[in-house]
Every structure is written in structure tokens, then in C-alpha cells.
Protein backbone atom coordinates (compact mmCIF):
# COMPACT_ATOMS: atom_id res chain seq x y z
CA UNK A 1 -27.29 -81.06 -17.99
CA UNK A 2 -28.59 -79.15 -14.63
CA UNK A 3 -31.70 -79.42 -15.95
CA UNK A 4 -31.71 -83.04 -15.40
CA UNK A 5 -31.28 -83.23 -11.86
CA UNK A 6 -34.76 -82.89 -10.10
CA UNK A 7 -34.71 -80.38 -7.29
CA UNK A 8 -35.85 -81.01 -4.16
CA UNK A 9 -38.89 -81.88 -3.21
CA UNK A 10 -41.54 -78.90 -2.22
CA UNK A 11 -37.96 -76.03 -3.47
CA UNK A 12 -37.84 -74.45 -6.87
CA UNK A 13 -34.69 -74.53 -8.68
CA UNK A 14 -32.95 -71.38 -8.01
CA UNK A 15 -33.12 -69.18 -11.06
CA UNK A 16 -30.87 -66.28 -10.22
CA UNK A 17 -27.28 -66.08 -9.22
CA UNK A 18 -28.82 -64.31 -5.83
CA UNK A 19 -31.37 -67.22 -5.58
CA UNK A 20 -28.46 -69.05 -5.15
CA UNK A 21 -26.55 -66.82 -2.60
CA UNK A 22 -29.74 -67.18 -0.52
CA UNK A 23 -30.03 -70.41 -0.92
CA UNK A 24 -26.90 -71.53 0.15
CA UNK A 25 -26.93 -68.74 3.14
CA UNK A 26 -30.10 -70.74 4.16
CA UNK A 27 -28.01 -74.21 4.41
CA UNK A 28 -25.15 -73.11 6.08
CA UNK A 29 -25.84 -74.29 10.00
CA UNK A 30 -26.17 -72.19 12.43
CA UNK A 31 -23.46 -70.47 13.99
CA UNK A 32 -21.06 -71.32 11.57
CA UNK A 33 -19.51 -68.57 9.66
CA UNK A 34 -18.70 -68.80 5.95
CA UNK A 35 -15.11 -67.25 4.43
CA UNK A 36 -14.84 -67.44 0.69
CA UNK A 37 -13.28 -71.02 0.06
CA UNK A 38 -13.09 -72.10 3.29
CA UNK A 39 -15.30 -75.21 4.38
CA UNK A 40 -17.89 -74.19 7.04
CA UNK A 41 -17.82 -76.41 10.92
CA UNK A 42 -20.00 -76.35 13.88
CA UNK A 43 -18.46 -73.14 15.63
CA UNK A 44 -16.81 -71.35 12.76
CA UNK A 45 -13.92 -73.22 12.93
CA UNK A 46 -12.01 -73.76 9.32
CA UNK A 47 -11.57 -77.37 8.25
CA UNK A 48 -8.21 -78.43 9.11
CA UNK A 49 -5.86 -78.71 6.07
CA UNK A 50 -4.83 -82.46 6.62
CA UNK A 51 -1.82 -83.64 4.95
CA UNK A 52 0.47 -83.45 1.91
CA UNK A 53 -0.76 -86.50 -0.22
CA UNK A 54 -4.28 -86.31 1.57
CA UNK A 55 -4.10 -82.35 0.12
CA UNK A 56 -2.64 -83.70 -2.94
CA UNK A 57 -5.45 -85.86 -3.96
CA UNK A 58 -8.36 -83.51 -2.94
CA UNK A 59 -6.29 -81.48 -5.97
CA UNK A 60 -6.57 -83.46 -8.36
CA UNK A 61 -10.39 -84.66 -7.62
CA UNK A 62 -11.27 -81.50 -7.42
CA UNK A 63 -9.34 -80.71 -11.04
CA UNK A 64 -11.54 -83.30 -13.00
CA UNK A 65 -14.31 -82.45 -11.45
CA UNK A 66 -13.87 -78.86 -12.30
CA UNK A 67 -12.76 -80.46 -15.82
CA UNK A 68 -16.76 -82.37 -15.99
CA UNK A 69 -18.21 -79.43 -16.13
CA UNK A 70 -16.53 -77.80 -19.57
CA UNK A 71 -18.22 -78.24 -22.59
CA UNK A 72 -16.23 -79.56 -25.04
CA UNK A 73 -16.22 -78.30 -28.73
CA UNK A 74 -17.21 -80.92 -31.03
CA UNK A 75 -14.84 -82.03 -33.39
CA UNK A 76 -16.45 -79.48 -36.38
CA UNK A 77 -16.20 -77.01 -33.77
CA UNK A 78 -12.15 -77.56 -33.10
CA UNK A 79 -11.82 -77.90 -36.86
CA UNK A 80 -13.40 -74.11 -37.06
CA UNK A 81 -12.29 -72.88 -34.75
CA UNK A 82 -8.42 -73.84 -35.81
CA UNK A 83 -8.86 -72.65 -38.88
CA UNK A 84 -9.56 -69.51 -37.83
CA UNK A 85 -6.76 -68.80 -36.06
CA UNK A 86 -4.31 -70.01 -38.85
CA UNK A 87 -5.77 -67.70 -40.79
CA UNK A 88 -5.66 -64.43 -38.52
CA UNK A 89 -2.30 -65.32 -37.63
CA UNK A 90 -0.96 -65.60 -41.14
CA UNK A 91 -2.86 -62.39 -42.37
CA UNK A 92 -0.91 -61.33 -39.48
CA UNK A 93 2.22 -62.03 -40.12
CA UNK A 94 1.64 -60.65 -43.56
CA UNK A 95 0.66 -57.42 -42.60
CA UNK A 96 3.47 -57.29 -40.07
CA UNK A 97 5.97 -57.88 -42.77
CA UNK A 98 4.80 -55.70 -45.43
CA UNK A 99 5.06 -53.13 -43.33
CA UNK A 100 8.82 -54.33 -41.80
CA UNK A 101 9.59 -54.37 -45.92
CA UNK A 102 8.13 -50.60 -46.45
CA UNK A 103 9.44 -49.01 -43.95
CA UNK A 104 13.20 -50.63 -44.45
CA UNK A 105 12.92 -48.98 -47.90
CA UNK A 106 11.85 -45.68 -46.39
CA UNK A 107 14.42 -46.30 -43.82
CA UNK A 108 16.82 -46.54 -46.81
CA UNK A 109 14.91 -44.10 -48.86
CA UNK A 110 16.02 -41.03 -46.18
CA UNK A 111 18.86 -41.74 -44.35
CA UNK A 112 20.39 -44.06 -47.88
CA UNK A 113 23.02 -46.54 -48.18
């Protein structure tokens, strides 16, 4: 999906995380400071938080944007993963049950009833 986007004319697409960080720092306005997770404004001031409803709406927009980035499994993958999990859990239940039975028998043998 990211390959579909065209880079700006005359600029290559960054190939590594270091290239992306370098490009991000070039894009920061002069005189502005950037802290992790904060918006940048001229003069290095943080952007205002806004009202509670506007922050909640922004949060929901960001959640939807992140969910669009998720690579969802196909139906076939989902069925396969579900079967693998069920088989593993069944095996673990059987193993723990067997160990419980064996330890119970050993305790009864040692200490009697």
C-alpha cells in the first residue's frame, strides 16, 4: 500500500527508519521544538488540548486511522490460526489433567487415605 503512494517530485522514498527520522527533522519548522507525542507550533509551544469532546473525537479519528493500517487476516488464515489455538489449548488441558491425576495418585500412595 505504501508503494502506491508517489514520492514528492525530486525526492526518493526513505528506505530505512533513520532516513525517515532525518526527513522528519528536515520538515520541522525553524525555531520549533519537537517532543515525542506532541504537536509542533512556531516558537516551540505545544498545541492547546481543546475541549473534552473535541479531544474524544480526535482520539476516535486516530483509532480509526490506526485500524486502517492493520493487516487483517484472511478467512483461511483466521480458520487456521483458530484451529492451531484450539489444538494447543486442548493439548495443554490434557497434559495438566494427566499431571494432576498422576500427582494425586502419588500423594495417595505416599500418605494413604
